Amino acid sequence: MTNAVSEKELEEFREMFDLVDTTRSGRISCTELRRLMETLRLRPTEEELEHMLRSADGNDPDNGIDFDGFVAMMSKRVQTDYTPEQLRTAFKLFETDDMPTGFVSTEVLTHALVSYGTEKLTHDDAIRLLSTLDPDRTGRINYLEFVSLVGGGGVM
């Protein structure tokens, strides 16, 4: 399972897994996965969480997932037509000095979505799209949310 990701991605997944596995059981429970999703401002239903656990590990969701299952789940969620380097480069294009490192302004992204590309969005459509990535209306989107937007496959 882990051979489809780079060493760097594997290290990042390990760090994330260790942060999420608060009980240090070597498995991530449904409760721990929910906390991760909420940290990423995602609000999956109980059924969606169970489906994620079952899909990742093929086991009863009550048992949680081990690291290999977590890597499988995460690598499915971040697969896109873009390389990680391309996504990082694109993200950096939208970074501005008035935003904390690792964040881009929804205002800047709205402008880009309505102004550039072959499939420009209307202003209302851009606002609607970005509001799903910024539900608390902070005016900024972090890197994982950006990957979800650009990659189209959804991040975590």
C-alpha atoms as a PDB file:
ATOM      1  CA  MET A   1       0.000   0.000   0.000  1.00  0.00           C
ATOM      2  CA  THR A   2       2.655   2.477   0.935  1.00  0.00           C
ATOM      3  CA  ASN A   3       4.705   2.082  -2.271  1.00  0.00           C
ATOM      4  CA  ALA A   4       2.453   4.528  -4.176  1.00  0.00           C
ATOM      5  CA  VAL A   5       3.576   7.485  -2.061  1.00  0.00           C
ATOM      6  CA  SER A   6       6.942   9.180  -1.767  1.00  0.00           C
ATOM      7  CA  GLU A   7       9.137   8.911   1.318  1.00  0.00           C
ATOM      8  CA  LYS A   8       8.329  12.531   2.166  1.00  0.00           C
ATOM      9  CA  GLU A   9       4.579  11.887   1.897  1.00  0.00           C
ATOM     10  CA  LEU A  10       4.997   8.760   4.006  1.00  0.00           C
ATOM     11  CA  GLU A  11       6.772  10.810   6.685  1.00  0.00           C
ATOM     12  CA  GLU A  12       3.994  13.414   6.583  1.00  0.00           C
ATOM     13  CA  PHE A  13       1.346  10.696   6.863  1.00  0.00           C
ATOM     14  CA  ARG A  14       3.243   9.191   9.833  1.00  0.00           C
ATOM     15  CA  GLU A  15       3.323  12.572  11.592  1.00  0.00           C
ATOM     16  CA  MET A  16      -0.374  13.065  10.952  1.00  0.00           C
ATOM     17  CA  PHE A  17      -1.192   9.516  12.065  1.00  0.00           C
ATOM     18  CA  ASP A  18       0.760   9.952  15.299  1.00  0.00           C
ATOM     19  CA  LEU A  19      -1.001  13.252  16.011  1.00  0.00           C
ATOM     20  CA  VAL A  20      -4.428  11.752  15.371  1.00  0.00           C
ATOM     21  CA  ASP A  21      -3.779   8.505  17.297  1.00  0.00           C
ATOM     22  CA  THR A  22      -4.131  10.230  20.668  1.00  0.00           C
ATOM     23  CA  THR A  23      -4.499   6.931  22.542  1.00  0.00           C
ATOM     24  CA  ARG A  24      -1.216   5.630  21.042  1.00  0.00           C
ATOM     25  CA  SER A  25      -2.968   2.356  20.223  1.00  0.00           C
ATOM     26  CA  GLY A  26      -1.474   2.098  16.745  1.00  0.00           C
ATOM     27  CA  ARG A  27      -4.971   2.466  15.307  1.00  0.00           C
ATOM     28  CA  ILE A  28      -7.143   5.479  14.591  1.00  0.00           C
ATOM     29  CA  SER A  29     -10.645   5.165  15.969  1.00  0.00           C
ATOM     30  CA  CYS A  30     -13.776   6.666  14.468  1.00  0.00           C
ATOM     31  CA  THR A  31     -13.681   9.343  17.195  1.00  0.00           C
ATOM     32  CA  GLU A  32     -10.066  10.227  16.402  1.00  0.00           C
ATOM     33  CA  LEU A  33     -10.834  10.360  12.673  1.00  0.00           C
ATOM     34  CA  ARG A  34     -13.779  12.665  13.377  1.00  0.00           C
ATOM     35  CA  ARG A  35     -11.459  15.035  15.289  1.00  0.00           C
ATOM     36  CA  LEU A  36      -9.081  15.083  12.316  1.00  0.00           C
ATOM     37  CA  MET A  37     -11.915  15.871   9.922  1.00  0.00           C
ATOM     38  CA  GLU A  38     -13.214  18.641  12.184  1.00  0.00           C
ATOM     39  CA  THR A  39      -9.710  20.116  12.389  1.00  0.00           C
ATOM     40  CA  LEU A  40      -9.772  20.243   8.587  1.00  0.00           C
ATOM     41  CA  ARG A  41     -13.197  21.920   8.803  1.00  0.00           C
ATOM     42  CA  LEU A  42     -14.913  18.885   7.335  1.00  0.00           C
ATOM     43  CA  ARG A  43     -18.110  17.628   8.913  1.00  0.00           C
ATOM     44  CA  PRO A  44     -18.642  14.039   7.758  1.00  0.00           C
ATOM     45  CA  THR A  45     -21.636  12.092   9.004  1.00  0.00           C
ATOM     46  CA  GLU A  46     -21.161   8.995  11.141  1.00  0.00           C
ATOM     47  CA  GLU A  47     -21.940   6.866   8.083  1.00  0.00           C
ATOM     48  CA  GLU A  48     -19.293   8.689   6.013  1.00  0.00           C
ATOM     49  CA  LEU A  49     -16.696   8.143   8.735  1.00  0.00           C
ATOM     50  CA  GLU A  50     -17.537   4.455   8.956  1.00  0.00           C
ATOM     51  CA  HIS A  51     -17.340   4.184   5.162  1.00  0.00           C
ATOM     52  CA  MET A  52     -13.909   5.852   5.185  1.00  0.00           C
ATOM     53  CA  LEU A  53     -12.668   3.427   7.838  1.00  0.00           C
ATOM     54  CA  ARG A  54     -14.146   0.406   6.081  1.00  0.00           C
ATOM     55  CA  SER A  55     -12.757   1.486   2.687  1.00  0.00           C
ATOM     56  CA  ALA A  56      -9.296   2.107   4.077  1.00  0.00           C
ATOM     57  CA  ASP A  57      -8.873  -1.070   6.038  1.00  0.00           C
ATOM     58  CA  GLY A  58     -11.659  -3.368   4.899  1.00  0.00           C
ATOM     59  CA  ASN A  59     -12.413  -4.082   8.537  1.00  0.00           C
ATOM     60  CA  ASP A  60     -15.148  -3.360  10.988  1.00  0.00           C
ATOM     61  CA  PRO A  61     -15.040   0.410  11.542  1.00  0.00           C
ATOM     62  CA  ASP A  62     -15.220  -0.212  15.299  1.00  0.00           C
ATOM     63  CA  ASN A  63     -11.626  -1.482  15.122  1.00  0.00           C
ATOM     64  CA  GLY A  64     -10.333   1.721  13.521  1.00  0.00           C
ATOM     65  CA  ILE A  65      -7.485   1.716  11.014  1.00  0.00           C
ATOM     66  CA  ASP A  66      -3.793   1.014  11.330  1.00  0.00           C
ATOM     67  CA  PHE A  67      -1.051   3.073   9.699  1.00  0.00           C
ATOM     68  CA  ASP A  68      -1.124   1.177   6.381  1.00  0.00           C
ATOM     69  CA  GLY A  69      -4.880   1.673   6.174  1.00  0.00           C
ATOM     70  CA  PHE A  70      -4.439   5.355   6.997  1.00  0.00           C
ATOM     71  CA  VAL A  71      -1.852   5.730   4.212  1.00  0.00           C
ATOM     72  CA  ALA A  72      -4.208   3.993   1.781  1.00  0.00           C
ATOM     73  CA  MET A  73      -7.059   6.300   2.787  1.00  0.00           C
ATOM     74  CA  MET A  74      -4.951   9.449   2.622  1.00  0.00           C
ATOM     75  CA  SER A  75      -3.275   8.599  -0.673  1.00  0.00           C
ATOM     76  CA  LYS A  76      -6.691   7.995  -2.264  1.00  0.00           C
ATOM     77  CA  ARG A  77      -7.885  11.350  -0.996  1.00  0.00           C
ATOM     78  CA  VAL A  78      -4.950  13.349  -2.364  1.00  0.00           C
ATOM     79  CA  GLN A  79      -4.587  11.667  -5.760  1.00  0.00           C
ATOM     80  CA  THR A  80      -5.076  14.230  -8.512  1.00  0.00           C
ATOM     81  CA  ASP A  81      -3.926  14.956 -12.008  1.00  0.00           C
ATOM     82  CA  TYR A  82      -1.329  17.274 -10.469  1.00  0.00           C
ATOM     83  CA  THR A  83       1.929  16.412  -8.764  1.00  0.00           C
ATOM     84  CA  PRO A  84       2.467  17.634  -5.186  1.00  0.00           C
ATOM     85  CA  GLU A  85       5.076  20.057  -6.539  1.00  0.00           C
ATOM     86  CA  GLN A  86       2.609  21.489  -9.059  1.00  0.00           C
ATOM     87  CA  LEU A  87       0.035  21.976  -6.304  1.00  0.00           C
ATOM     88  CA  ARG A  88       2.581  23.691  -4.033  1.00  0.00           C
ATOM     89  CA  THR A  89       3.662  25.970  -6.882  1.00  0.00           C
ATOM     90  CA  ALA A  90       0.059  26.872  -7.695  1.00  0.00           C
ATOM     91  CA  PHE A  91      -0.660  27.563  -4.020  1.00  0.00           C
ATOM     92  CA  LYS A  92       2.337  29.877  -3.763  1.00  0.00           C
ATOM     93  CA  LEU A  93       1.024  31.906  -6.707  1.00  0.00           C
ATOM     94  CA  PHE A  94      -1.932  32.953  -4.562  1.00  0.00           C
ATOM     95  CA  GLU A  95      -0.068  33.628  -1.308  1.00  0.00           C
ATOM     96  CA  THR A  96       0.037  37.277  -0.255  1.00  0.00           C
ATOM     97  CA  ASP A  97       1.952  39.109   2.458  1.00  0.00           C
ATOM     98  CA  ASP A  98      -1.214  39.910   4.404  1.00  0.00           C
ATOM     99  CA  MET A  99      -2.001  36.208   4.997  1.00  0.00           C
ATOM    100  CA  PRO A 100      -0.264  33.882   7.463  1.00  0.00           C
ATOM    101  CA  THR A 101       2.087  31.339   5.902  1.00  0.00           C
ATOM    102  CA  GLY A 102       0.154  28.380   4.530  1.00  0.00           C
ATOM    103  CA  PHE A 103      -3.008  30.365   3.781  1.00  0.00           C
ATOM    104  CA  VAL A 104      -4.450  32.138   0.762  1.00  0.00           C
ATOM    105  CA  SER A 105      -7.133  34.803   0.705  1.00  0.00           C
ATOM    106  CA  THR A 106     -10.616  33.837  -0.480  1.00  0.00           C
ATOM    107  CA  GLU A 107     -10.761  37.269  -2.129  1.00  0.00           C
ATOM    108  CA  VAL A 108      -7.662  36.487  -4.218  1.00  0.00           C
ATOM    109  CA  LEU A 109      -9.007  33.038  -5.157  1.00  0.00           C
ATOM    110  CA  THR A 110     -12.422  34.477  -6.035  1.00  0.00           C
ATOM    111  CA  HIS A 111     -10.764  36.938  -8.393  1.00  0.00           C
ATOM    112  CA  ALA A 112      -8.747  34.134 -10.016  1.00  0.00           C
ATOM    113  CA  LEU A 113     -11.779  31.860 -10.423  1.00  0.00           C
ATOM    114  CA  VAL A 114     -13.834  34.541 -12.171  1.00  0.00           C
ATOM    115  CA  SER A 115     -10.992  36.029 -14.228  1.00  0.00           C
ATOM    116  CA  TYR A 116      -8.717  33.245 -15.469  1.00  0.00           C
ATOM    117  CA  GLY A 117      -8.856  29.874 -17.145  1.00  0.00           C
ATOM    118  CA  THR A 118     -11.014  28.326 -19.802  1.00  0.00           C
ATOM    119  CA  GLU A 119     -13.890  27.652 -17.403  1.00  0.00           C
ATOM    120  CA  LYS A 120     -14.367  30.939 -15.570  1.00  0.00           C
ATOM    121  CA  LEU A 121     -16.928  30.911 -12.781  1.00  0.00           C
ATOM    122  CA  THR A 122     -19.521  33.548 -12.091  1.00  0.00           C
ATOM    123  CA  HIS A 123     -18.834  35.620  -9.000  1.00  0.00           C
ATOM    124  CA  ASP A 124     -21.736  33.916  -7.182  1.00  0.00           C
ATOM    125  CA  ASP A 125     -20.492  30.430  -8.133  1.00  0.00           C
ATOM    126  CA  ALA A 126     -16.967  31.288  -6.954  1.00  0.00           C
ATOM    127  CA  ILE A 127     -18.314  32.589  -3.634  1.00  0.00           C
ATOM    128  CA  ARG A 128     -20.442  29.445  -3.202  1.00  0.00           C
ATOM    129  CA  LEU A 129     -17.504  27.153  -3.995  1.00  0.00           C
ATOM    130  CA  LEU A 130     -15.108  28.915  -1.651  1.00  0.00           C
ATOM    131  CA  SER A 131     -17.693  29.103   1.134  1.00  0.00           C
ATOM    132  CA  THR A 132     -17.597  25.295   1.314  1.00  0.00           C
ATOM    133  CA  LEU A 133     -13.852  25.523   1.960  1.00  0.00           C
ATOM    134  CA  ASP A 134     -14.191  28.459   4.361  1.00  0.00           C
ATOM    135  CA  PRO A 135     -17.393  27.691   6.297  1.00  0.00           C
ATOM    136  CA  ASP A 136     -16.370  29.896   9.224  1.00  0.00           C
ATOM    137  CA  ARG A 137     -15.862  32.815   6.816  1.00  0.00           C
ATOM    138  CA  THR A 138     -12.353  33.594   7.979  1.00  0.00           C
ATOM    139  CA  GLY A 139     -11.475  34.939   4.539  1.00  0.00           C
ATOM    140  CA  ARG A 140      -8.667  32.455   4.122  1.00  0.00           C
ATOM    141  CA  ILE A 141      -8.109  28.888   2.944  1.00  0.00           C
ATOM    142  CA  ASN A 142      -5.267  26.638   4.060  1.00  0.00           C
ATOM    143  CA  TYR A 143      -3.140  24.430   1.827  1.00  0.00           C
ATOM    144  CA  LEU A 144      -5.194  21.236   2.352  1.00  0.00           C
ATOM    145  CA  GLU A 145      -8.393  23.080   1.493  1.00  0.00           C
ATOM    146  CA  PHE A 146      -6.672  24.481  -1.609  1.00  0.00           C
ATOM    147  CA  VAL A 147      -5.634  20.973  -2.703  1.00  0.00           C
ATOM    148  CA  SER A 148      -9.256  19.910  -2.268  1.00  0.00           C
ATOM    149  CA  LEU A 149     -10.344  22.766  -4.549  1.00  0.00           C
ATOM    150  CA  VAL A 150      -7.668  22.395  -7.230  1.00  0.00           C
ATOM    151  CA  GLY A 151      -7.206  18.650  -7.054  1.00  0.00           C
ATOM    152  CA  GLY A 152     -10.886  18.009  -7.373  1.00  0.00           C
ATOM    153  CA  GLY A 153     -10.655  14.769  -5.430  1.00  0.00           C
ATOM    154  CA  GLY A 154     -11.212  16.214  -2.012  1.00  0.00           C
ATOM    155  CA  VAL A 155      -8.661  16.254   0.764  1.00  0.00           C
ATOM    156  CA  MET A 156      -9.397  14.097   3.758  1.00  0.00           C
END
